[in-house]
Amino acid sequence: MANQLLCQLDSTDPDTLVSALMADSEDQSNAGLSRLQMWRDADRAGRVWILFDVHDRAKAEDWLQRAVADTHGRRAGVTSSAAHFLRTA
C-alpha cells in the first residue's frame, strides 16, 4: 500500500514558508519524500498544506523533526503545524 504524509502549517509569512519548502527539496528527497502537491488554504490566509509520497517512513519522521526546527521554524514564521501519515484506502 502507498503511504503519504500530509502536513498542515500555519505561518505568519506563508510566502516565505512556501519558498522554504521549495528550497528544501533535496533534503525532502534524501528523506524518502516526493512532494506531490502544495496548497494554500482557501479560508485561512496563513495556512499551507503539503502532500508527500513516502518511500521510507523512518527517514520521513527524522525529516519532520529537523524541519520543525529549520524549514518549518522561525525563519518561515510557522506558528503551528500538524503531520499525518496516511495509507491509501
N, C-alpha and C. Protein backbone atom coordinates (compact mmCIF):
# COMPACT_ATOMS: atom_id res chain seq x y z
N MET A 1 0.83 -1.18 0.00
CA MET A 1 0.00 0.00 0.00
C MET A 1 0.88 1.25 0.00
N ALA A 2 0.41 2.24 -0.68
CA ALA A 2 1.14 3.51 -0.74
C ALA A 2 0.94 4.28 0.56
N ASN A 3 1.99 4.98 0.95
CA ASN A 3 1.92 5.84 2.13
C ASN A 3 2.14 7.28 1.71
N GLN A 4 1.40 8.17 2.32
CA GLN A 4 1.57 9.60 2.09
C GLN A 4 1.73 10.30 3.43
N LEU A 5 2.26 11.51 3.35
CA LEU A 5 2.40 12.38 4.51
C LEU A 5 1.72 13.69 4.16
N LEU A 6 0.73 14.07 4.96
CA LEU A 6 0.02 15.33 4.77
C LEU A 6 0.39 16.25 5.92
N CYS A 7 0.97 17.41 5.58
CA CYS A 7 1.37 18.39 6.58
C CYS A 7 0.53 19.64 6.44
N GLN A 8 0.09 20.16 7.57
CA GLN A 8 -0.65 21.42 7.63
C GLN A 8 0.18 22.37 8.46
N LEU A 9 0.49 23.54 7.87
CA LEU A 9 1.36 24.51 8.52
C LEU A 9 0.69 25.87 8.55
N ASP A 10 0.65 26.48 9.71
CA ASP A 10 0.14 27.84 9.87
C ASP A 10 1.34 28.76 10.02
N SER A 11 1.35 29.85 9.26
CA SER A 11 2.51 30.74 9.25
C SER A 11 2.07 32.20 9.22
N THR A 12 2.88 33.03 9.85
CA THR A 12 2.68 34.48 9.77
C THR A 12 3.23 35.02 8.45
N ASP A 13 4.01 34.20 7.72
CA ASP A 13 4.62 34.60 6.45
C ASP A 13 4.55 33.43 5.47
N PRO A 14 3.36 33.15 4.92
CA PRO A 14 3.21 31.98 4.06
C PRO A 14 4.07 32.01 2.80
N ASP A 15 4.38 33.19 2.27
CA ASP A 15 5.24 33.26 1.09
C ASP A 15 6.64 32.72 1.40
N THR A 16 7.17 33.12 2.55
CA THR A 16 8.48 32.62 2.97
C THR A 16 8.42 31.13 3.26
N LEU A 17 7.33 30.67 3.85
CA LEU A 17 7.16 29.25 4.13
C LEU A 17 7.18 28.44 2.84
N VAL A 18 6.41 28.85 1.84
CA VAL A 18 6.37 28.13 0.56
C VAL A 18 7.76 28.12 -0.07
N SER A 19 8.45 29.24 -0.04
CA SER A 19 9.82 29.31 -0.59
C SER A 19 10.76 28.36 0.16
N ALA A 20 10.64 28.32 1.48
CA ALA A 20 11.50 27.44 2.28
C ALA A 20 11.22 25.98 1.96
N LEU A 21 9.97 25.62 1.80
CA LEU A 21 9.62 24.24 1.46
C LEU A 21 10.15 23.86 0.07
N MET A 22 10.07 24.77 -0.86
CA MET A 22 10.58 24.51 -2.21
C MET A 22 12.11 24.38 -2.18
N ALA A 23 12.78 25.22 -1.41
CA ALA A 23 14.24 25.18 -1.31
C ALA A 23 14.73 23.93 -0.58
N ASP A 24 13.85 23.27 0.15
CA ASP A 24 14.19 22.09 0.94
C ASP A 24 14.03 20.79 0.14
N SER A 25 13.85 20.89 -1.15
CA SER A 25 13.55 19.72 -1.99
C SER A 25 14.60 18.61 -1.87
N GLU A 26 15.87 18.98 -1.86
CA GLU A 26 16.92 17.95 -1.79
C GLU A 26 16.85 17.18 -0.47
N ASP A 27 16.67 17.90 0.64
CA ASP A 27 16.56 17.24 1.94
C ASP A 27 15.32 16.35 2.00
N GLN A 28 14.22 16.83 1.41
CA GLN A 28 13.00 16.03 1.36
C GLN A 28 13.26 14.73 0.58
N SER A 29 13.91 14.85 -0.55
CA SER A 29 14.22 13.67 -1.37
C SER A 29 15.13 12.70 -0.62
N ASN A 30 16.14 13.23 0.07
CA ASN A 30 17.04 12.37 0.86
C ASN A 30 16.31 11.68 2.00
N ALA A 31 15.18 12.24 2.41
CA ALA A 31 14.37 11.64 3.48
C ALA A 31 13.32 10.68 2.93
N GLY A 32 13.42 10.35 1.65
CA GLY A 32 12.47 9.41 1.06
C GLY A 32 11.11 10.01 0.78
N LEU A 33 11.06 11.33 0.59
CA LEU A 33 9.80 12.02 0.33
C LEU A 33 9.79 12.57 -1.10
N SER A 34 8.66 12.43 -1.75
CA SER A 34 8.43 13.06 -3.05
C SER A 34 7.24 13.99 -2.89
N ARG A 35 7.46 15.29 -3.13
CA ARG A 35 6.37 16.25 -2.99
C ARG A 35 5.37 16.04 -4.12
N LEU A 36 4.12 15.81 -3.76
CA LEU A 36 3.06 15.60 -4.74
C LEU A 36 2.28 16.87 -5.03
N GLN A 37 2.00 17.64 -3.98
CA GLN A 37 1.16 18.84 -4.15
C GLN A 37 1.33 19.75 -2.95
N MET A 38 1.19 21.04 -3.20
CA MET A 38 1.17 22.03 -2.13
C MET A 38 -0.01 22.96 -2.39
N TRP A 39 -0.73 23.30 -1.33
CA TRP A 39 -1.89 24.18 -1.46
C TRP A 39 -1.81 25.29 -0.43
N ARG A 40 -2.43 26.42 -0.74
CA ARG A 40 -2.71 27.47 0.25
C ARG A 40 -4.19 27.31 0.60
N ASP A 41 -4.48 27.34 1.86
CA ASP A 41 -5.86 27.16 2.32
C ASP A 41 -6.73 28.29 1.78
N ALA A 42 -7.89 27.95 1.26
CA ALA A 42 -8.81 28.94 0.68
C ALA A 42 -9.48 29.81 1.75
N ASP A 43 -9.53 29.31 2.99
CA ASP A 43 -10.24 30.03 4.05
C ASP A 43 -9.34 30.61 5.13
N ARG A 44 -8.09 30.19 5.19
CA ARG A 44 -7.16 30.69 6.22
C ARG A 44 -5.90 31.17 5.52
N ALA A 45 -5.71 32.47 5.50
CA ALA A 45 -4.65 33.10 4.71
C ALA A 45 -3.25 32.57 5.03
N GLY A 46 -2.96 32.23 6.25
CA GLY A 46 -1.62 31.80 6.62
C GLY A 46 -1.40 30.31 6.61
N ARG A 47 -2.37 29.53 6.14
CA ARG A 47 -2.27 28.06 6.21
C ARG A 47 -1.82 27.49 4.87
N VAL A 48 -0.84 26.59 4.96
CA VAL A 48 -0.31 25.88 3.80
C VAL A 48 -0.42 24.39 4.07
N TRP A 49 -0.82 23.64 3.05
CA TRP A 49 -0.89 22.18 3.11
C TRP A 49 0.12 21.63 2.12
N ILE A 50 0.79 20.54 2.48
CA ILE A 50 1.72 19.89 1.56
C ILE A 50 1.56 18.38 1.68
N LEU A 51 1.51 17.72 0.52
CA LEU A 51 1.32 16.27 0.46
C LEU A 51 2.56 15.64 -0.15
N PHE A 52 3.09 14.63 0.53
CA PHE A 52 4.26 13.90 0.05
C PHE A 52 3.91 12.43 -0.15
N ASP A 53 4.57 11.80 -1.10
CA ASP A 53 4.61 10.36 -1.19
C ASP A 53 5.76 9.92 -0.31
N VAL A 54 5.57 8.90 0.52
CA VAL A 54 6.57 8.46 1.49
C VAL A 54 7.17 7.14 1.03
N HIS A 55 8.49 7.12 0.85
CA HIS A 55 9.19 5.91 0.44
C HIS A 55 9.90 5.24 1.61
N ASP A 56 10.16 5.99 2.68
CA ASP A 56 10.85 5.47 3.86
C ASP A 56 10.33 6.23 5.08
N ARG A 57 9.42 5.60 5.82
CA ARG A 57 8.77 6.31 6.92
C ARG A 57 9.75 6.76 8.00
N ALA A 58 10.72 5.94 8.34
CA ALA A 58 11.68 6.31 9.39
C ALA A 58 12.45 7.57 8.99
N LYS A 59 12.90 7.63 7.75
CA LYS A 59 13.60 8.82 7.27
C LYS A 59 12.66 10.02 7.24
N ALA A 60 11.42 9.80 6.86
CA ALA A 60 10.44 10.89 6.82
C ALA A 60 10.18 11.44 8.22
N GLU A 61 10.10 10.56 9.21
CA GLU A 61 9.90 11.01 10.59
C GLU A 61 11.10 11.82 11.07
N ASP A 62 12.31 11.39 10.70
CA ASP A 62 13.51 12.17 11.05
C ASP A 62 13.47 13.54 10.38
N TRP A 63 13.04 13.59 9.11
CA TRP A 63 12.94 14.86 8.39
C TRP A 63 11.96 15.80 9.10
N LEU A 64 10.83 15.24 9.55
CA LEU A 64 9.85 16.07 10.25
C LEU A 64 10.47 16.73 11.48
N GLN A 65 11.26 15.98 12.23
CA GLN A 65 11.89 16.54 13.43
C GLN A 65 12.85 17.67 13.05
N ARG A 66 13.64 17.46 12.01
CA ARG A 66 14.57 18.51 11.55
C ARG A 66 13.80 19.70 10.99
N ALA A 67 12.75 19.44 10.23
CA ALA A 67 12.00 20.51 9.57
C ALA A 67 11.32 21.42 10.58
N VAL A 68 10.84 20.86 11.67
CA VAL A 68 10.19 21.67 12.70
C VAL A 68 11.18 22.70 13.24
N ALA A 69 12.44 22.31 13.37
CA ALA A 69 13.46 23.22 13.89
C ALA A 69 14.04 24.14 12.82
N ASP A 70 13.93 23.75 11.56
CA ASP A 70 14.60 24.50 10.49
C ASP A 70 13.58 25.05 9.49
N THR A 71 13.20 24.26 8.50
CA THR A 71 12.32 24.71 7.42
C THR A 71 11.01 25.27 7.94
N HIS A 72 10.40 24.57 8.89
CA HIS A 72 9.11 25.00 9.43
C HIS A 72 9.28 25.92 10.62
N GLY A 73 10.49 26.26 10.93
CA GLY A 73 10.78 27.01 12.15
C GLY A 73 10.63 28.51 12.03
N ARG A 74 11.42 29.20 12.82
CA ARG A 74 11.30 30.66 12.95
C ARG A 74 11.43 31.40 11.63
N ARG A 75 12.34 30.97 10.75
CA ARG A 75 12.55 31.73 9.52
C ARG A 75 11.33 31.72 8.61
N ALA A 76 10.48 30.73 8.75
CA ALA A 76 9.27 30.64 7.92
C ALA A 76 8.04 31.13 8.67
N GLY A 77 8.20 31.58 9.91
CA GLY A 77 7.09 32.13 10.67
C GLY A 77 6.02 31.12 11.05
N VAL A 78 6.37 29.85 11.14
CA VAL A 78 5.38 28.82 11.47
C VAL A 78 4.97 28.95 12.93
N THR A 79 3.67 29.05 13.15
CA THR A 79 3.13 29.18 14.50
C THR A 79 2.53 27.87 15.01
N SER A 80 2.11 26.99 14.09
CA SER A 80 1.62 25.67 14.48
C SER A 80 1.66 24.77 13.25
N SER A 81 1.69 23.47 13.53
CA SER A 81 1.72 22.51 12.42
C SER A 81 1.16 21.17 12.88
N ALA A 82 0.78 20.37 11.90
CA ALA A 82 0.32 19.01 12.16
C ALA A 82 0.77 18.15 10.98
N ALA A 83 1.14 16.92 11.28
CA ALA A 83 1.58 15.99 10.24
C ALA A 83 0.86 14.67 10.44
N HIS A 84 0.41 14.10 9.33
CA HIS A 84 -0.35 12.85 9.38
C HIS A 84 0.17 11.90 8.31
N PHE A 85 0.56 10.69 8.74
CA PHE A 85 0.91 9.64 7.78
C PHE A 85 -0.38 8.93 7.40
N LEU A 86 -0.58 8.74 6.11
CA LEU A 86 -1.82 8.16 5.59
C LEU A 86 -1.51 6.99 4.69
N ARG A 87 -2.43 6.05 4.61
CA ARG A 87 -2.36 4.92 3.67
C ARG A 87 -3.55 5.01 2.73
N THR A 88 -3.32 4.62 1.50
CA THR A 88 -4.41 4.58 0.55
C THR A 88 -5.45 3.56 1.01
N ALA A 89 -6.69 3.93 0.99
CA ALA A 89 -7.78 3.04 1.47
C ALA A 89 -8.08 1.96 0.46
